[in-house]
Each structure stands twice: as structure tokens, then as C-alpha cells.
Amino acid sequence: MGASEPSLPSALTTVDRSLEVNDIAPRPPRHVSRRQREERAYRLTLATGAAAVATIVVIVLSVVGVTSFGLALLLALITAALGYGLKRTLGR
């Protein structure tokens, strides 16, 4: 073979762009409205507070010997995750 490459059938060299054009869908808006951010922050505030109270109650119960400390640790991790989500929502 020389410097020229073997030719491919025309069906393989043509690009069918009809699928690309027909599958285009508008993207959803990227920004979240102020109202939606407020609602999310409110729900996260309630959830973080409830998880914090539950964590404290379970810590007290584990000191008394009613429940295990592992549950308190799990609740503390959940509270931290909710707090992190709240912090991100508030942008601080």
C-alpha cells in the first residue's frame, strides 16, 4: 500500500446528524429561585435542629446505659451532614 489509505464505504464515512438535531432538548434552568432556597433552608434548619436534639438525648441515654453510643455517633454524623447542607444553602 502506498501513501494513500484504503477507502471506507460511504456509509461509514458519512455522519448522520439527524439524530443529533432531533434529540436536542432545552436545558432546565440552572438557578434556583429565592423562594425555593428559602424553603430549603427552612427545612434544613428544622431537620438540623431535630437531629441535634435527638443526638443530645441519645448521648444522655447512652451515658445512663439505656442505649449504645454508636447510635449517638450515627446521629452526630447525620446532624453534621445536615448542618453542612444548610451552610451550603445559605452560602456561608
PDB file of N, CA and C in Angstrom:
ATOM      1  N   MET A   1       0.847  -1.159   0.000  1.00  0.00           N
ATOM      2  CA  MET A   1       0.000   0.000   0.000  1.00  0.00           C
ATOM      3  C   MET A   1       0.898   1.228   0.000  1.00  0.00           C
ATOM      4  N   GLY A   2       0.500   2.192  -0.589  1.00  0.00           N
ATOM      5  CA  GLY A   2       1.301   3.388  -0.697  1.00  0.00           C
ATOM      6  C   GLY A   2       0.945   4.386   0.371  1.00  0.00           C
ATOM      7  N   ALA A   3       1.083   5.619   0.013  1.00  0.00           N
ATOM      8  CA  ALA A   3       0.806   6.706   0.944  1.00  0.00           C
ATOM      9  C   ALA A   3      -0.683   6.906   1.143  1.00  0.00           C
ATOM     10  N   SER A   4      -1.463   6.363   0.218  1.00  0.00           N
ATOM     11  CA  SER A   4      -2.906   6.563   0.358  1.00  0.00           C
ATOM     12  C   SER A   4      -3.501   5.492   1.267  1.00  0.00           C
ATOM     13  N   GLU A   5      -4.483   5.879   2.041  1.00  0.00           N
ATOM     14  CA  GLU A   5      -5.161   4.945   2.926  1.00  0.00           C
ATOM     15  C   GLU A   5      -6.278   4.256   2.170  1.00  0.00           C
ATOM     16  N   PRO A   6      -6.646   3.059   2.585  1.00  0.00           N
ATOM     17  CA  PRO A   6      -7.755   2.388   1.914  1.00  0.00           C
ATOM     18  C   PRO A   6      -9.042   3.171   2.136  1.00  0.00           C
ATOM     19  N   SER A   7      -9.855   3.227   1.113  1.00  0.00           N
ATOM     20  CA  SER A   7     -11.094   3.995   1.216  1.00  0.00           C
ATOM     21  C   SER A   7     -12.152   3.189   1.959  1.00  0.00           C
ATOM     22  N   LEU A   8     -12.919   3.858   2.787  1.00  0.00           N
ATOM     23  CA  LEU A   8     -14.001   3.235   3.534  1.00  0.00           C
ATOM     24  C   LEU A   8     -15.289   3.376   2.750  1.00  0.00           C
ATOM     25  N   PRO A   9     -16.222   2.486   2.960  1.00  0.00           N
ATOM     26  CA  PRO A   9     -17.516   2.652   2.293  1.00  0.00           C
ATOM     27  C   PRO A   9     -18.154   3.977   2.696  1.00  0.00           C
ATOM     28  N   SER A  10     -18.919   4.541   1.800  1.00  0.00           N
ATOM     29  CA  SER A  10     -19.506   5.853   2.050  1.00  0.00           C
ATOM     30  C   SER A  10     -20.457   5.844   3.242  1.00  0.00           C
ATOM     31  N   ALA A  11     -21.066   4.716   3.557  1.00  0.00           N
ATOM     32  CA  ALA A  11     -21.983   4.647   4.694  1.00  0.00           C
ATOM     33  C   ALA A  11     -21.242   4.854   6.008  1.00  0.00           C
ATOM     34  N   LEU A  12     -19.962   4.474   6.059  1.00  0.00           N
ATOM     35  CA  LEU A  12     -19.187   4.644   7.285  1.00  0.00           C
ATOM     36  C   LEU A  12     -18.572   6.026   7.398  1.00  0.00           C
ATOM     37  N   THR A  13     -18.350   6.678   6.286  1.00  0.00           N
ATOM     38  CA  THR A  13     -17.708   7.990   6.332  1.00  0.00           C
ATOM     39  C   THR A  13     -18.706   9.123   6.524  1.00  0.00           C
ATOM     40  N   THR A  14     -19.946   8.934   6.162  1.00  0.00           N
ATOM     41  CA  THR A  14     -20.928   9.999   6.343  1.00  0.00           C
ATOM     42  C   THR A  14     -21.423   9.998   7.782  1.00  0.00           C
ATOM     43  N   VAL A  15     -21.680  11.151   8.261  1.00  0.00           N
ATOM     44  CA  VAL A  15     -22.166  11.304   9.631  1.00  0.00           C
ATOM     45  C   VAL A  15     -23.650  11.611   9.575  1.00  0.00           C
ATOM     46  N   ASP A  16     -24.426  10.818  10.294  1.00  0.00           N
ATOM     47  CA  ASP A  16     -25.870  11.035  10.322  1.00  0.00           C
ATOM     48  C   ASP A  16     -26.175  12.031  11.437  1.00  0.00           C
ATOM     49  N   ARG A  17     -26.406  13.271  11.069  1.00  0.00           N
ATOM     50  CA  ARG A  17     -26.661  14.313  12.056  1.00  0.00           C
ATOM     51  C   ARG A  17     -28.143  14.483  12.370  1.00  0.00           C
ATOM     52  N   SER A  18     -29.000  13.729  11.756  1.00  0.00           N
ATOM     53  CA  SER A  18     -30.428  13.890  12.013  1.00  0.00           C
ATOM     54  C   SER A  18     -30.771  13.482  13.447  1.00  0.00           C
ATOM     55  N   LEU A  19     -30.075  12.488  13.997  1.00  0.00           N
ATOM     56  CA  LEU A  19     -30.332  12.090  15.380  1.00  0.00           C
ATOM     57  C   LEU A  19     -29.868  13.159  16.357  1.00  0.00           C
ATOM     58  N   GLU A  20     -28.752  13.799  16.058  1.00  0.00           N
ATOM     59  CA  GLU A  20     -28.232  14.834  16.944  1.00  0.00           C
ATOM     60  C   GLU A  20     -29.186  16.013  17.030  1.00  0.00           C
ATOM     61  N   VAL A  21     -29.735  16.434  15.921  1.00  0.00           N
ATOM     62  CA  VAL A  21     -30.610  17.595  15.894  1.00  0.00           C
ATOM     63  C   VAL A  21     -31.958  17.288  16.538  1.00  0.00           C
ATOM     64  N   ASN A  22     -32.489  16.103  16.313  1.00  0.00           N
ATOM     65  CA  ASN A  22     -33.805  15.765  16.848  1.00  0.00           C
ATOM     66  C   ASN A  22     -33.795  15.508  18.350  1.00  0.00           C
ATOM     67  N   ASP A  23     -32.635  15.172  18.905  1.00  0.00           N
ATOM     68  CA  ASP A  23     -32.573  14.857  20.331  1.00  0.00           C
ATOM     69  C   ASP A  23     -32.258  16.059  21.208  1.00  0.00           C
ATOM     70  N   ILE A  24     -32.203  17.222  20.628  1.00  0.00           N
ATOM     71  CA  ILE A  24     -31.886  18.406  21.416  1.00  0.00           C
ATOM     72  C   ILE A  24     -33.112  18.789  22.247  1.00  0.00           C
ATOM     73  N   ALA A  25     -32.895  18.925  23.545  1.00  0.00           N
ATOM     74  CA  ALA A  25     -33.968  19.331  24.451  1.00  0.00           C
ATOM     75  C   ALA A  25     -33.499  20.545  25.228  1.00  0.00           C
ATOM     76  N   PRO A  26     -34.397  21.440  25.547  1.00  0.00           N
ATOM     77  CA  PRO A  26     -33.969  22.609  26.318  1.00  0.00           C
ATOM     78  C   PRO A  26     -33.514  22.201  27.718  1.00  0.00           C
ATOM     79  N   ARG A  27     -32.463  22.836  28.164  1.00  0.00           N
ATOM     80  CA  ARG A  27     -31.943  22.534  29.495  1.00  0.00           C
ATOM     81  C   ARG A  27     -32.821  23.196  30.546  1.00  0.00           C
ATOM     82  N   PRO A  28     -32.959  22.532  31.671  1.00  0.00           N
ATOM     83  CA  PRO A  28     -33.709  23.185  32.745  1.00  0.00           C
ATOM     84  C   PRO A  28     -32.893  24.363  33.279  1.00  0.00           C
ATOM     85  N   PRO A  29     -33.559  25.342  33.830  1.00  0.00           N
ATOM     86  CA  PRO A  29     -32.815  26.494  34.349  1.00  0.00           C
ATOM     87  C   PRO A  29     -31.882  26.065  35.486  1.00  0.00           C
ATOM     88  N   ARG A  30     -30.684  26.627  35.495  1.00  0.00           N
ATOM     89  CA  ARG A  30     -29.690  26.231  36.481  1.00  0.00           C
ATOM     90  C   ARG A  30     -29.889  26.934  37.817  1.00  0.00           C
ATOM     91  N   HIS A  31     -30.426  28.115  37.807  1.00  0.00           N
ATOM     92  CA  HIS A  31     -30.556  28.836  39.067  1.00  0.00           C
ATOM     93  C   HIS A  31     -31.823  28.409  39.804  1.00  0.00           C
ATOM     94  N   VAL A  32     -31.742  28.483  41.102  1.00  0.00           N
ATOM     95  CA  VAL A  32     -32.877  28.149  41.948  1.00  0.00           C
ATOM     96  C   VAL A  32     -33.468  29.469  42.417  1.00  0.00           C
ATOM     97  N   SER A  33     -34.783  29.548  42.418  1.00  0.00           N
ATOM     98  CA  SER A  33     -35.411  30.801  42.820  1.00  0.00           C
ATOM     99  C   SER A  33     -35.168  31.079  44.299  1.00  0.00           C
ATOM    100  N   ARG A  34     -35.329  32.326  44.656  1.00  0.00           N
ATOM    101  CA  ARG A  34     -35.116  32.728  46.054  1.00  0.00           C
ATOM    102  C   ARG A  34     -36.094  32.007  46.971  1.00  0.00           C
ATOM    103  N   ARG A  35     -37.310  31.866  46.533  1.00  0.00           N
ATOM    104  CA  ARG A  35     -38.336  31.175  47.329  1.00  0.00           C
ATOM    105  C   ARG A  35     -37.941  29.718  47.589  1.00  0.00           C
ATOM    106  N   GLN A  36     -37.431  29.041  46.566  1.00  0.00           N
ATOM    107  CA  GLN A  36     -37.009  27.648  46.734  1.00  0.00           C
ATOM    108  C   GLN A  36     -35.827  27.540  47.694  1.00  0.00           C
ATOM    109  N   ARG A  37     -34.897  28.497  47.610  1.00  0.00           N
ATOM    110  CA  ARG A  37     -33.766  28.493  48.546  1.00  0.00           C
ATOM    111  C   ARG A  37     -34.241  28.729  49.973  1.00  0.00           C
ATOM    112  N   GLU A  38     -35.192  29.634  50.145  1.00  0.00           N
ATOM    113  CA  GLU A  38     -35.737  29.897  51.480  1.00  0.00           C
ATOM    114  C   GLU A  38     -36.405  28.654  52.052  1.00  0.00           C
ATOM    115  N   GLU A  39     -37.195  27.971  51.222  1.00  0.00           N
ATOM    116  CA  GLU A  39     -37.879  26.762  51.685  1.00  0.00           C
ATOM    117  C   GLU A  39     -36.883  25.673  52.059  1.00  0.00           C
ATOM    118  N   ARG A  40     -35.859  25.524  51.235  1.00  0.00           N
ATOM    119  CA  ARG A  40     -34.847  24.504  51.535  1.00  0.00           C
ATOM    120  C   ARG A  40     -34.102  24.842  52.824  1.00  0.00           C
ATOM    121  N   ALA A  41     -33.734  26.091  52.992  1.00  0.00           N
ATOM    122  CA  ALA A  41     -33.028  26.499  54.211  1.00  0.00           C
ATOM    123  C   ALA A  41     -33.906  26.285  55.436  1.00  0.00           C
ATOM    124  N   TYR A  42     -35.189  26.587  55.335  1.00  0.00           N
ATOM    125  CA  TYR A  42     -36.104  26.395  56.461  1.00  0.00           C
ATOM    126  C   TYR A  42     -36.203  24.916  56.834  1.00  0.00           C
ATOM    127  N   ARG A  43     -36.386  24.068  55.813  1.00  0.00           N
ATOM    128  CA  ARG A  43     -36.488  22.624  56.085  1.00  0.00           C
ATOM    129  C   ARG A  43     -35.192  22.073  56.663  1.00  0.00           C
ATOM    130  N   LEU A  44     -34.057  22.523  56.143  1.00  0.00           N
ATOM    131  CA  LEU A  44     -32.775  22.059  56.670  1.00  0.00           C
ATOM    132  C   LEU A  44     -32.542  22.558  58.094  1.00  0.00           C
ATOM    133  N   THR A  45     -33.015  23.764  58.393  1.00  0.00           N
ATOM    134  CA  THR A  45     -32.892  24.280  59.765  1.00  0.00           C
ATOM    135  C   THR A  45     -33.691  23.422  60.727  1.00  0.00           C
ATOM    136  N   LEU A  46     -34.918  23.089  60.356  1.00  0.00           N
ATOM    137  CA  LEU A  46     -35.743  22.228  61.221  1.00  0.00           C
ATOM    138  C   LEU A  46     -35.120  20.848  61.379  1.00  0.00           C
ATOM    139  N   ALA A  47     -34.651  20.277  60.281  1.00  0.00           N
ATOM    140  CA  ALA A  47     -34.071  18.930  60.333  1.00  0.00           C
ATOM    141  C   ALA A  47     -32.780  18.921  61.148  1.00  0.00           C
ATOM    142  N   THR A  48     -31.942  19.942  60.986  1.00  0.00           N
ATOM    143  CA  THR A  48     -30.694  20.015  61.745  1.00  0.00           C
ATOM    144  C   THR A  48     -30.975  20.166  63.236  1.00  0.00           C
ATOM    145  N   GLY A  49     -31.945  21.004  63.576  1.00  0.00           N
ATOM    146  CA  GLY A  49     -32.304  21.174  64.989  1.00  0.00           C
ATOM    147  C   GLY A  49     -32.851  19.899  65.600  1.00  0.00           C
ATOM    148  N   ALA A  50     -33.718  19.225  64.871  1.00  0.00           N
ATOM    149  CA  ALA A  50     -34.286  17.971  65.383  1.00  0.00           C
ATOM    150  C   ALA A  50     -33.208  16.907  65.532  1.00  0.00           C
ATOM    151  N   ALA A  51     -32.302  16.829  64.576  1.00  0.00           N
ATOM    152  CA  ALA A  51     -31.223  15.846  64.662  1.00  0.00           C
ATOM    153  C   ALA A  51     -30.280  16.168  65.814  1.00  0.00           C
ATOM    154  N   ALA A  52     -30.044  17.451  66.057  1.00  0.00           N
ATOM    155  CA  ALA A  52     -29.179  17.836  67.176  1.00  0.00           C
ATOM    156  C   ALA A  52     -29.823  17.468  68.514  1.00  0.00           C
ATOM    157  N   VAL A  53     -31.115  17.728  68.645  1.00  0.00           N
ATOM    158  CA  VAL A  53     -31.815  17.364  69.875  1.00  0.00           C
ATOM    159  C   VAL A  53     -31.797  15.845  70.069  1.00  0.00           C
ATOM    160  N   ALA A  54     -32.041  15.113  69.000  1.00  0.00           N
ATOM    161  CA  ALA A  54     -32.021  13.652  69.089  1.00  0.00           C
ATOM    162  C   ALA A  54     -30.632  13.153  69.469  1.00  0.00           C
ATOM    163  N   THR A  55     -29.602  13.781  68.940  1.00  0.00           N
ATOM    164  CA  THR A  55     -28.231  13.391  69.279  1.00  0.00           C
ATOM    165  C   THR A  55     -27.964  13.595  70.757  1.00  0.00           C
ATOM    166  N   ILE A  56     -28.369  14.725  71.289  1.00  0.00           N
ATOM    167  CA  ILE A  56     -28.142  15.016  72.708  1.00  0.00           C
ATOM    168  C   ILE A  56     -28.915  14.041  73.584  1.00  0.00           C
ATOM    169  N   VAL A  57     -30.155  13.756  73.221  1.00  0.00           N
ATOM    170  CA  VAL A  57     -30.955  12.812  74.000  1.00  0.00           C
ATOM    171  C   VAL A  57     -30.318  11.428  74.011  1.00  0.00           C
ATOM    172  N   VAL A  58     -29.841  10.988  72.844  1.00  0.00           N
ATOM    173  CA  VAL A  58     -29.237   9.661  72.767  1.00  0.00           C
ATOM    174  C   VAL A  58     -27.902   9.629  73.511  1.00  0.00           C
ATOM    175  N   ILE A  59     -27.154  10.723  73.503  1.00  0.00           N
ATOM    176  CA  ILE A  59     -25.911  10.768  74.282  1.00  0.00           C
ATOM    177  C   ILE A  59     -26.216  10.631  75.765  1.00  0.00           C
ATOM    178  N   VAL A  60     -27.232  11.350  76.229  1.00  0.00           N
ATOM    179  CA  VAL A  60     -27.620  11.237  77.647  1.00  0.00           C
ATOM    180  C   VAL A  60     -28.069   9.815  77.955  1.00  0.00           C
ATOM    181  N   LEU A  61     -28.857   9.226  77.078  1.00  0.00           N
ATOM    182  CA  LEU A  61     -29.318   7.858  77.298  1.00  0.00           C
ATOM    183  C   LEU A  61     -28.163   6.852  77.255  1.00  0.00           C
ATOM    184  N   SER A  62     -27.160   7.119  76.426  1.00  0.00           N
ATOM    185  CA  SER A  62     -26.024   6.200  76.384  1.00  0.00           C
ATOM    186  C   SER A  62     -25.163   6.328  77.632  1.00  0.00           C
ATOM    187  N   VAL A  63     -25.075   7.531  78.211  1.00  0.00           N
ATOM    188  CA  VAL A  63     -24.343   7.704  79.472  1.00  0.00           C
ATOM    189  C   VAL A  63     -25.060   6.962  80.590  1.00  0.00           C
ATOM    190  N   VAL A  64     -26.388   7.017  80.589  1.00  0.00           N
ATOM    191  CA  VAL A  64     -27.181   6.321  81.608  1.00  0.00           C
ATOM    192  C   VAL A  64     -27.099   4.805  81.391  1.00  0.00           C
ATOM    193  N   GLY A  65     -26.888   4.382  80.171  1.00  0.00           N
ATOM    194  CA  GLY A  65     -26.761   2.964  79.876  1.00  0.00           C
ATOM    195  C   GLY A  65     -27.967   2.366  79.196  1.00  0.00           C
ATOM    196  N   VAL A  66     -28.871   3.187  78.713  1.00  0.00           N
ATOM    197  CA  VAL A  66     -30.083   2.688  78.081  1.00  0.00           C
ATOM    198  C   VAL A  66     -29.821   2.286  76.626  1.00  0.00           C
ATOM    199  N   THR A  67     -28.993   3.035  75.927  1.00  0.00           N
ATOM    200  CA  THR A  67     -28.732   2.763  74.517  1.00  0.00           C
ATOM    201  C   THR A  67     -27.230   2.796  74.247  1.00  0.00           C
ATOM    202  N   SER A  68     -26.835   2.390  73.069  1.00  0.00           N
ATOM    203  CA  SER A  68     -25.410   2.341  72.740  1.00  0.00           C
ATOM    204  C   SER A  68     -24.915   3.698  72.252  1.00  0.00           C
ATOM    205  N   PHE A  69     -23.614   3.885  72.387  1.00  0.00           N
ATOM    206  CA  PHE A  69     -23.001   5.136  71.937  1.00  0.00           C
ATOM    207  C   PHE A  69     -22.905   5.191  70.416  1.00  0.00           C
ATOM    208  N   GLY A  70     -22.974   4.037  69.741  1.00  0.00           N
ATOM    209  CA  GLY A  70     -22.912   4.003  68.283  1.00  0.00           C
ATOM    210  C   GLY A  70     -24.059   4.758  67.640  1.00  0.00           C
ATOM    211  N   LEU A  71     -25.237   4.652  68.227  1.00  0.00           N
ATOM    212  CA  LEU A  71     -26.399   5.387  67.712  1.00  0.00           C
ATOM    213  C   LEU A  71     -26.183   6.887  67.850  1.00  0.00           C
ATOM    214  N   ALA A  72     -25.588   7.308  68.956  1.00  0.00           N
ATOM    215  CA  ALA A  72     -25.295   8.730  69.150  1.00  0.00           C
ATOM    216  C   ALA A  72     -24.289   9.213  68.114  1.00  0.00           C
ATOM    217  N   LEU A  73     -23.299   8.376  67.817  1.00  0.00           N
ATOM    218  CA  LEU A  73     -22.312   8.736  66.815  1.00  0.00           C
ATOM    219  C   LEU A  73     -22.957   8.863  65.435  1.00  0.00           C
ATOM    220  N   LEU A  74     -23.834   7.932  65.104  1.00  0.00           N
ATOM    221  CA  LEU A  74     -24.546   7.991  63.825  1.00  0.00           C
ATOM    222  C   LEU A  74     -25.396   9.260  63.731  1.00  0.00           C
ATOM    223  N   LEU A  75     -26.114   9.580  64.784  1.00  0.00           N
ATOM    224  CA  LEU A  75     -26.930  10.799  64.783  1.00  0.00           C
ATOM    225  C   LEU A  75     -26.058  12.055  64.681  1.00  0.00           C
ATOM    226  N   ALA A  76     -24.887  12.026  65.303  1.00  0.00           N
ATOM    227  CA  ALA A  76     -23.981  13.178  65.210  1.00  0.00           C
ATOM    228  C   ALA A  76     -23.501  13.366  63.770  1.00  0.00           C
ATOM    229  N   LEU A  77     -23.229  12.270  63.074  1.00  0.00           N
ATOM    230  CA  LEU A  77     -22.817  12.369  61.671  1.00  0.00           C
ATOM    231  C   LEU A  77     -23.952  12.905  60.793  1.00  0.00           C
ATOM    232  N   ILE A  78     -25.161  12.449  61.057  1.00  0.00           N
ATOM    233  CA  ILE A  78     -26.319  12.944  60.297  1.00  0.00           C
ATOM    234  C   ILE A  78     -26.524  14.430  60.563  1.00  0.00           C
ATOM    235  N   THR A  79     -26.380  14.841  61.810  1.00  0.00           N
ATOM    236  CA  THR A  79     -26.522  16.259  62.159  1.00  0.00           C
ATOM    237  C   THR A  79     -25.457  17.097  61.455  1.00  0.00           C
ATOM    238  N   ALA A  80     -24.236  16.589  61.423  1.00  0.00           N
ATOM    239  CA  ALA A  80     -23.160  17.318  60.739  1.00  0.00           C
ATOM    240  C   ALA A  80     -23.445  17.440  59.245  1.00  0.00           C
ATOM    241  N   ALA A  81     -23.947  16.388  58.627  1.00  0.00           N
ATOM    242  CA  ALA A  81     -24.267  16.441  57.202  1.00  0.00           C
ATOM    243  C   ALA A  81     -25.385  17.443  56.927  1.00  0.00           C
ATOM    244  N   LEU A  82     -26.398  17.443  57.775  1.00  0.00           N
ATOM    245  CA  LEU A  82     -27.481  18.419  57.609  1.00  0.00           C
ATOM    246  C   LEU A  82     -26.973  19.842  57.813  1.00  0.00           C
ATOM    247  N   GLY A  83     -26.104  20.035  58.788  1.00  0.00           N
ATOM    248  CA  GLY A  83     -25.524  21.356  59.022  1.00  0.00           C
ATOM    249  C   GLY A  83     -24.693  21.827  57.842  1.00  0.00           C
ATOM    250  N   TYR A  84     -23.952  20.898  57.243  1.00  0.00           N
ATOM    251  CA  TYR A  84     -23.169  21.235  56.062  1.00  0.00           C
ATOM    252  C   TYR A  84     -24.076  21.628  54.893  1.00  0.00           C
ATOM    253  N   GLY A  85     -25.163  20.895  54.726  1.00  0.00           N
ATOM    254  CA  GLY A  85     -26.120  21.230  53.674  1.00  0.00           C
ATOM    255  C   GLY A  85     -26.745  22.603  53.897  1.00  0.00           C
ATOM    256  N   LEU A  86     -27.044  22.905  55.154  1.00  0.00           N
ATOM    257  CA  LEU A  86     -27.599  24.216  55.488  1.00  0.00           C
ATOM    258  C   LEU A  86     -26.590  25.315  55.204  1.00  0.00           C
ATOM    259  N   LYS A  87     -25.337  25.055  55.559  1.00  0.00           N
ATOM    260  CA  LYS A  87     -24.288  26.042  55.302  1.00  0.00           C
ATOM    261  C   LYS A  87     -24.135  26.317  53.808  1.00  0.00           C
ATOM    262  N   ARG A  88     -24.191  25.272  53.003  1.00  0.00           N
ATOM    263  CA  ARG A  88     -24.092  25.448  51.546  1.00  0.00           C
ATOM    264  C   ARG A  88     -25.291  26.191  50.986  1.00  0.00           C
ATOM    265  N   THR A  89     -26.470  25.897  51.535  1.00  0.00           N
ATOM    266  CA  THR A  89     -27.684  26.560  51.064  1.00  0.00           C
ATOM    267  C   THR A  89     -27.630  28.057  51.377  1.00  0.00           C
ATOM    268  N   LEU A  90     -27.127  28.395  52.550  1.00  0.00           N
ATOM    269  CA  LEU A  90     -27.057  29.792  52.942  1.00  0.00           C
ATOM    270  C   LEU A  90     -25.884  30.518  52.282  1.00  0.00           C
ATOM    271  N   GLY A  91     -24.954  29.763  51.727  1.00  0.00           N
ATOM    272  CA  GLY A  91     -23.827  30.369  51.035  1.00  0.00           C
ATOM    273  C   GLY A  91     -22.812  30.983  51.970  1.00  0.00           C
ATOM    274  N   ARG A  92     -22.625  30.383  53.105  1.00  0.00           N
ATOM    275  CA  ARG A  92     -21.647  30.921  54.071  1.00  0.00           C
ATOM    276  C   ARG A  92     -20.553  29.945  54.320  1.00  0.00           C
TER     277      ARG A  92
END
